[in-house]
Amino acid sequence: MQSNRLYFIDAVRAFAILMMLQGHFIDTLLDPIYRDKTNTLYNIWSYFRGITAPVFFTISGLVFTYLLLKAHAKGNDKPRIKKGLTRGLLLLGIGYSLRINLISWFSGYFNTYFLVIDVLQCIGLALIILVCLHVLLKKHSYVFSIVLASIGCLCFVSEPLYRNLVITNLPLIIANYMTKVNGSVFTILPWFGYSAFGAFISTVFFRHAHRDRFKIITIATFFLVGYLLMYYSSWALLELNDLTGIELLKRSADYNYLFTRLGNVLILFGLFYSFERFLKQSIIAKIGEKTLSMYVIHFIILYGSFTGYGLKRWFSKSLEPSEAIIGAVIFIIVVCLISFHYAKTNHFVYSVVNKISSRLKK
């Protein structure tokens, strides 16, 4: 079965990585006195910054599962499964390594900071989980879709149960995936929910993208469902609470950022899918192909991975708004240039790892 390539995905990834670059730069270096929640511009910036992580997780689930489904349809998904597991482990390794301070280690000082979990580790683990689900359910396509959507809903609705979770009886390397008390930025729950929803969307694309009028129906669905999630998901949860008496539904509705952000993601998908034909072979699409390289480069420059010497060390919480905005633009340009000229594609990272792996095997 042949399915159309999803060209708009690269544009969405480009939007997400650019939002992440400016968001991390401004959030890290802007003086706290300018974080005025009564300021409209600041609130708009803060709102759009909050979309970045949901987009990344949803896109990762969508793209990866879509490729798995295409490989399975051709009767040879074993290489893709192997590649997915390798990529998941690679993301775990890169995520941990970016928080290592080699200078401190060489001087004899060690701490557990490098064990905290960030977006790369969560996406890596999410890919591994999706591989396992695919292997279990690949012969039952519709069951696979239902399971993915159900997992997404369950991750979101159950969020109040683990929102302030504290784990003391597990090693940090495991506990940090479930609790933020040790400094983790992201945890696998609820964020795997976005990857599950992305994987669910990929099953719909794979099954129906070849059909007439699929694109226009899908764009309309993205906008409609996105709007409903943004403005009526809390109401729906409260109605379900009244019908079932399940208190968890009410608690979820009282702090319903997960379904709301999923609505934001779908609206964004609808926008980029609408203008897909203008985005093919564009600079935006090319940026979207280099997200991993750009993530690694920005982390080293901004946070000082491996050395401890990054922009944060000298300018943390010190810039005025104009300085932060101009600096963010320059930061984005520099990261893009380095990514384009010194890390031609994300395959640059993978090729290095593959070479090391081959030598170790020999």
Protein backbone atom coordinates (compact mmCIF):
# COMPACT_ATOMS: atom_id res chain seq x y z
CA MET A 1 0.00 0.00 0.00
CA GLN A 2 1.46 3.38 -0.99
CA SER A 3 0.87 6.53 1.04
CA ASN A 4 1.75 10.09 0.18
CA ARG A 5 4.74 11.68 1.84
CA LEU A 6 3.79 14.17 4.55
CA TYR A 7 5.74 17.21 3.40
CA PHE A 8 4.09 19.60 5.85
CA ILE A 9 5.69 17.76 8.77
CA ASP A 10 9.13 19.28 8.10
CA ALA A 11 7.60 22.76 8.19
CA VAL A 12 5.92 22.00 11.51
CA ARG A 13 9.22 20.72 12.91
CA ALA A 14 10.96 23.87 11.69
CA PHE A 15 8.39 26.03 13.46
CA ALA A 16 8.84 24.00 16.64
CA ILE A 17 12.65 24.13 16.64
CA LEU A 18 12.71 27.88 15.94
CA MET A 19 10.20 28.49 18.72
CA MET A 20 12.34 26.36 21.01
CA LEU A 21 15.54 28.26 20.15
CA GLN A 22 14.09 31.69 20.83
CA GLY A 23 12.09 30.40 23.80
CA HIS A 24 15.09 28.88 25.54
CA PHE A 25 17.27 31.91 24.80
CA ILE A 26 14.80 34.49 26.10
CA ASP A 27 13.65 32.41 29.07
CA THR A 28 17.24 31.75 30.15
CA LEU A 29 18.65 35.25 29.70
CA LEU A 30 15.76 37.72 30.17
CA ASP A 31 15.83 39.67 33.42
CA PRO A 32 12.96 38.45 35.67
CA ILE A 33 11.73 42.01 36.25
CA TYR A 34 10.44 42.03 32.67
CA ARG A 35 8.38 38.86 33.10
CA ASP A 36 5.17 40.84 33.43
CA LYS A 37 2.07 38.67 33.14
CA THR A 38 -0.05 41.75 32.65
CA ASN A 39 1.87 42.57 29.48
CA THR A 40 0.05 41.35 26.35
CA LEU A 41 3.21 40.77 24.31
CA TYR A 42 4.81 38.75 27.09
CA ASN A 43 1.66 36.63 27.45
CA ILE A 44 1.56 35.95 23.70
CA TRP A 45 5.23 34.94 23.74
CA SER A 46 4.69 32.71 26.78
CA TYR A 47 1.64 31.05 25.21
CA PHE A 48 3.37 30.21 21.95
CA ARG A 49 6.44 29.00 23.82
CA GLY A 50 4.18 26.52 25.58
CA ILE A 51 3.19 24.96 22.25
CA THR A 52 6.75 23.86 21.41
CA ALA A 53 7.03 20.69 23.50
CA PRO A 54 3.58 19.31 22.57
CA VAL A 55 4.43 19.83 18.89
CA PHE A 56 7.74 17.99 19.21
CA PHE A 57 6.23 15.00 20.99
CA THR A 58 3.24 14.77 18.66
CA ILE A 59 5.39 15.08 15.54
CA SER A 60 7.85 12.44 16.76
CA GLY A 61 5.05 9.93 17.26
CA LEU A 62 3.44 10.79 13.92
CA VAL A 63 6.55 10.58 11.75
CA PHE A 64 8.06 7.52 13.35
CA THR A 65 4.88 5.44 13.36
CA TYR A 66 4.03 6.49 9.80
CA LEU A 67 7.40 5.18 8.61
CA LEU A 68 6.88 1.96 10.57
CA LEU A 69 3.49 1.45 8.92
CA LYS A 70 4.93 2.06 5.45
CA ALA A 71 7.72 -0.44 6.06
CA HIS A 72 5.26 -3.03 7.38
CA ALA A 73 3.03 -2.57 4.32
CA LYS A 74 6.01 -3.40 2.11
CA GLY A 75 6.52 -6.59 4.10
CA ASN A 76 9.87 -5.63 5.59
CA ASP A 77 9.62 -3.60 8.77
CA LYS A 78 12.49 -5.32 10.63
CA PRO A 79 15.13 -2.76 9.49
CA ARG A 80 12.80 0.09 10.49
CA ILE A 81 12.14 -1.52 13.87
CA LYS A 82 15.88 -1.92 14.43
CA LYS A 83 16.51 1.63 13.32
CA GLY A 84 13.75 2.89 15.63
CA LEU A 85 15.21 1.13 18.64
CA THR A 86 18.68 2.41 17.77
CA ARG A 87 17.37 5.95 17.36
CA GLY A 88 15.52 5.76 20.64
CA LEU A 89 18.66 4.63 22.47
CA LEU A 90 20.68 7.30 20.65
CA LEU A 91 18.33 10.04 21.83
CA LEU A 92 18.59 8.70 25.38
CA GLY A 93 22.38 8.81 25.16
CA ILE A 94 22.53 12.30 23.67
CA GLY A 95 20.02 13.60 26.22
CA TYR A 96 22.16 12.40 29.11
CA SER A 97 25.46 13.48 27.55
CA LEU A 98 24.34 17.09 26.99
CA ARG A 99 24.16 17.60 30.76
CA ILE A 100 27.60 16.19 31.47
CA ASN A 101 30.26 18.66 32.59
CA LEU A 102 33.54 17.03 31.59
CA ILE A 103 35.66 19.71 33.25
CA SER A 104 33.99 18.99 36.60
CA TRP A 105 34.38 15.26 36.11
CA PHE A 106 38.07 15.57 35.26
CA SER A 107 38.55 17.64 38.41
CA GLY A 108 36.98 14.89 40.50
CA TYR A 109 33.58 16.48 41.10
CA PHE A 110 30.54 14.38 40.21
CA ASN A 111 26.84 15.05 40.77
CA THR A 112 23.57 13.53 39.63
CA TYR A 113 22.52 16.50 37.49
CA PHE A 114 23.22 14.62 34.26
CA LEU A 115 20.56 12.06 35.25
CA VAL A 116 17.69 14.56 35.01
CA ILE A 117 15.31 13.93 32.13
CA ASP A 118 14.69 16.35 29.29
CA VAL A 119 12.83 16.23 25.99
CA LEU A 120 15.34 14.00 24.15
CA GLN A 121 15.18 11.19 26.71
CA CYS A 122 11.38 11.28 26.75
CA ILE A 123 11.15 11.20 22.96
CA GLY A 124 13.72 8.39 22.83
CA LEU A 125 11.76 6.31 25.34
CA ALA A 126 8.52 7.14 23.51
CA LEU A 127 9.97 5.78 20.25
CA ILE A 128 10.98 2.55 21.99
CA ILE A 129 7.48 2.16 23.46
CA LEU A 130 5.91 2.80 20.04
CA VAL A 131 8.15 0.13 18.50
CA CYS A 132 6.96 -2.35 21.12
CA LEU A 133 3.31 -1.48 20.51
CA HIS A 134 3.82 -1.83 16.77
CA VAL A 135 5.40 -5.26 17.15
CA LEU A 136 2.52 -6.41 19.35
CA LEU A 137 -0.32 -4.98 17.25
CA LYS A 138 0.92 -4.62 13.68
CA LYS A 139 -1.35 -7.42 12.50
CA HIS A 140 -4.38 -5.63 13.96
CA SER A 141 -4.37 -2.18 12.38
CA TYR A 142 -7.59 -0.81 13.85
CA VAL A 143 -6.85 -2.20 17.30
CA PHE A 144 -3.48 -0.43 17.09
CA SER A 145 -5.26 2.87 16.36
CA ILE A 146 -7.72 2.42 19.22
CA VAL A 147 -4.96 1.51 21.67
CA LEU A 148 -2.92 4.58 20.73
CA ALA A 149 -5.87 6.97 21.13
CA SER A 150 -6.84 5.31 24.41
CA ILE A 151 -3.31 5.59 25.80
CA GLY A 152 -3.23 9.27 24.86
CA CYS A 153 -6.51 9.96 26.64
CA LEU A 154 -5.48 7.94 29.68
CA CYS A 155 -2.14 9.76 29.97
CA PHE A 156 -3.91 13.13 29.91
CA VAL A 157 -6.91 12.35 32.12
CA SER A 158 -4.80 10.65 34.80
CA GLU A 159 -2.34 13.58 35.03
CA PRO A 160 -3.61 14.75 38.46
CA LEU A 161 -2.59 11.39 39.93
CA TYR A 162 1.10 11.91 39.21
CA ARG A 163 1.31 15.70 38.93
CA ASN A 164 3.22 16.01 42.22
CA LEU A 165 4.53 12.47 42.39
CA VAL A 166 7.48 11.82 44.69
CA ILE A 167 9.48 8.62 44.30
CA THR A 168 12.12 7.74 46.87
CA ASN A 169 12.51 3.96 46.59
CA LEU A 170 13.85 3.75 43.02
CA PRO A 171 17.23 4.62 41.51
CA LEU A 172 17.37 8.19 40.15
CA ILE A 173 17.94 6.98 36.60
CA ILE A 174 14.48 5.37 36.73
CA ALA A 175 12.63 7.67 39.12
CA ASN A 176 13.50 10.79 37.11
CA TYR A 177 11.31 9.56 34.26
CA MET A 178 8.29 9.76 36.56
CA THR A 179 8.94 12.65 38.95
CA LYS A 180 10.26 16.21 38.66
CA VAL A 181 11.39 16.55 42.27
CA ASN A 182 15.01 15.82 41.30
CA GLY A 183 15.12 18.43 38.55
CA SER A 184 13.72 16.64 35.51
CA VAL A 185 12.30 19.07 32.95
CA PHE A 186 9.99 16.48 31.35
CA THR A 187 8.65 13.11 32.47
CA ILE A 188 7.41 10.28 30.30
CA LEU A 189 3.92 10.85 31.70
CA PRO A 190 1.96 12.78 30.55
CA TRP A 191 4.20 13.62 27.57
CA PHE A 192 4.02 10.19 26.00
CA GLY A 193 0.34 10.99 25.51
CA TYR A 194 1.25 13.45 22.75
CA SER A 195 3.44 10.86 21.02
CA ALA A 196 0.57 8.36 21.24
CA PHE A 197 -1.85 10.85 19.68
CA GLY A 198 0.71 11.61 16.96
CA ALA A 199 1.04 7.90 16.26
CA PHE A 200 -2.76 7.64 16.10
CA ILE A 201 -2.88 10.45 13.53
CA SER A 202 -0.25 8.62 11.49
CA THR A 203 -2.51 5.54 11.26
CA VAL A 204 -5.27 7.73 9.84
CA PHE A 205 -2.89 9.28 7.28
CA PHE A 206 -1.49 5.92 6.30
CA ARG A 207 -4.91 4.38 5.79
CA HIS A 208 -6.59 7.22 3.91
CA ALA A 209 -4.03 9.71 2.51
CA HIS A 210 -4.33 8.23 -1.00
CA ARG A 211 -8.07 8.93 -1.18
CA ASP A 212 -9.69 11.80 -3.03
CA ARG A 213 -10.50 14.88 -0.95
CA PHE A 214 -8.57 13.44 2.01
CA LYS A 215 -6.47 16.56 2.38
CA ILE A 216 -9.35 19.05 2.55
CA ILE A 217 -11.32 16.83 4.95
CA THR A 218 -8.25 16.37 7.16
CA ILE A 219 -7.50 20.09 7.26
CA ALA A 220 -11.10 20.83 8.26
CA THR A 221 -10.91 18.09 10.90
CA PHE A 222 -7.67 19.49 12.31
CA PHE A 223 -9.25 22.93 12.70
CA LEU A 224 -12.55 21.63 14.09
CA VAL A 225 -11.13 19.14 16.58
CA GLY A 226 -8.40 21.61 17.57
CA TYR A 227 -11.01 24.29 18.27
CA LEU A 228 -13.17 21.87 20.28
CA LEU A 229 -10.20 20.72 22.36
CA MET A 230 -9.11 24.27 23.06
CA TYR A 231 -12.50 25.62 24.14
CA TYR A 232 -14.71 22.66 25.05
CA SER A 233 -12.51 19.85 26.37
CA SER A 234 -12.82 21.06 29.96
CA TRP A 235 -16.60 21.26 29.57
CA ALA A 236 -16.65 17.72 28.14
CA LEU A 237 -14.62 16.39 31.06
CA LEU A 238 -17.00 18.02 33.54
CA GLU A 239 -20.00 16.57 31.71
CA LEU A 240 -18.42 13.12 31.84
CA ASN A 241 -17.79 13.65 35.54
CA ASP A 242 -21.50 14.41 36.06
CA LEU A 243 -22.49 11.30 34.11
CA THR A 244 -20.02 8.88 35.67
CA GLY A 245 -19.24 10.39 39.05
CA ILE A 246 -15.51 9.84 38.43
CA GLU A 247 -13.77 12.56 40.45
CA LEU A 248 -10.58 12.25 38.39
CA LEU A 249 -12.38 13.75 35.38
CA LYS A 250 -13.22 16.89 37.38
CA ARG A 251 -9.67 17.21 38.66
CA SER A 252 -8.38 16.88 35.10
CA ALA A 253 -10.81 19.56 33.87
CA ASP A 254 -9.70 21.98 36.60
CA TYR A 255 -6.16 22.06 35.17
CA ASN A 256 -6.71 21.08 31.58
CA TYR A 257 -3.55 22.20 29.80
CA LEU A 258 -2.89 18.88 28.05
CA PHE A 259 -6.01 18.62 25.88
CA THR A 260 -5.87 22.38 25.28
CA ARG A 261 -2.30 22.19 24.01
CA LEU A 262 -3.23 19.22 21.83
CA GLY A 263 -5.84 21.50 20.30
CA ASN A 264 -3.10 24.06 19.62
CA VAL A 265 -1.03 21.37 17.90
CA LEU A 266 -3.90 20.32 15.65
CA ILE A 267 -4.61 23.93 14.65
CA LEU A 268 -0.94 24.27 13.77
CA PHE A 269 -1.09 21.06 11.74
CA GLY A 270 -4.10 22.41 9.89
CA LEU A 271 -2.34 25.66 9.04
CA PHE A 272 0.84 24.04 7.74
CA TYR A 273 -1.04 21.29 5.90
CA SER A 274 -3.13 23.98 4.17
CA PHE A 275 0.00 25.66 2.78
CA GLU A 276 1.97 22.47 2.18
CA ARG A 277 2.47 23.04 -1.55
CA PHE A 278 4.24 26.34 -0.84
CA LEU A 279 6.57 24.74 1.69
CA LYS A 280 8.09 21.93 -0.39
CA GLN A 281 11.83 22.41 -0.94
CA SER A 282 11.71 25.66 1.04
CA ILE A 283 14.27 26.81 3.59
CA ILE A 284 11.67 26.14 6.28
CA ALA A 285 11.39 22.50 5.25
CA LYS A 286 15.19 22.18 5.20
CA ILE A 287 15.40 23.55 8.74
CA GLY A 288 12.83 20.95 9.77
CA GLU A 289 15.16 18.21 8.57
CA LYS A 290 17.91 19.28 10.99
CA THR A 291 16.11 19.48 14.32
CA LEU A 292 18.39 17.09 16.21
CA SER A 293 21.57 18.83 15.07
CA MET A 294 20.10 22.21 15.97
CA TYR A 295 18.96 20.96 19.37
CA VAL A 296 22.44 19.68 20.22
CA ILE A 297 24.19 22.82 18.93
CA HIS A 298 21.88 25.21 20.79
CA PHE A 299 22.32 23.26 24.03
CA ILE A 300 26.10 23.49 23.81
CA ILE A 301 26.11 27.23 23.03
CA LEU A 302 23.40 28.28 25.48
CA TYR A 303 23.88 25.94 28.43
CA GLY A 304 27.54 25.02 28.05
CA SER A 305 27.26 21.25 27.62
CA PHE A 306 30.48 19.35 28.35
CA THR A 307 32.42 22.44 29.50
CA GLY A 308 30.01 24.44 31.65
CA TYR A 309 30.81 27.54 29.58
CA GLY A 310 27.74 28.75 27.74
CA LEU A 311 25.81 31.99 27.35
CA LYS A 312 23.89 31.17 30.50
CA ARG A 313 27.10 31.35 32.55
CA TRP A 314 27.70 35.00 31.67
CA PHE A 315 24.27 36.46 30.85
CA SER A 316 21.78 34.47 32.94
CA LYS A 317 18.66 36.53 33.79
CA SER A 318 20.40 39.79 32.86
CA LEU A 319 19.12 41.00 29.48
CA GLU A 320 16.58 43.70 28.77
CA PRO A 321 13.71 42.85 26.35
CA SER A 322 15.32 44.55 23.33
CA GLU A 323 18.64 42.82 24.02
CA ALA A 324 16.89 39.46 24.47
CA ILE A 325 14.95 39.79 21.20
CA ILE A 326 17.97 40.86 19.13
CA GLY A 327 20.10 38.21 20.82
CA ALA A 328 17.48 35.53 20.09
CA VAL A 329 17.46 36.43 16.37
CA ILE A 330 21.27 36.27 16.21
CA PHE A 331 21.24 33.03 18.21
CA ILE A 332 18.80 31.41 15.77
CA ILE A 333 20.86 32.50 12.75
CA VAL A 334 24.11 31.20 14.27
CA VAL A 335 22.60 27.83 15.22
CA CYS A 336 21.07 27.45 11.75
CA LEU A 337 24.34 28.32 10.00
CA ILE A 338 26.34 25.88 12.10
CA SER A 339 23.73 23.19 11.55
CA PHE A 340 23.66 23.71 7.77
CA HIS A 341 27.40 23.98 7.22
CA TYR A 342 28.94 21.75 9.85
CA ALA A 343 26.23 19.16 10.45
CA LYS A 344 24.77 18.70 7.01
CA THR A 345 21.79 16.68 8.26
CA ASN A 346 20.71 14.86 11.37
CA HIS A 347 22.36 11.81 9.76
CA PHE A 348 25.69 13.40 10.73
CA VAL A 349 25.04 12.46 14.35
CA TYR A 350 23.75 9.01 13.48
CA SER A 351 26.71 8.25 11.19
CA VAL A 352 29.20 9.01 13.96
CA VAL A 353 27.37 6.71 16.36
CA ASN A 354 27.14 3.97 13.73
CA LYS A 355 30.89 4.18 13.04
CA ILE A 356 31.68 3.90 16.77
CA SER A 357 29.24 1.01 17.10
CA SER A 358 30.82 -0.82 14.15
CA ARG A 359 34.31 -0.43 15.56
CA LEU A 360 33.18 -1.70 18.96
CA LYS A 361 31.63 -4.78 17.31
CA LYS A 362 34.86 -5.48 15.42
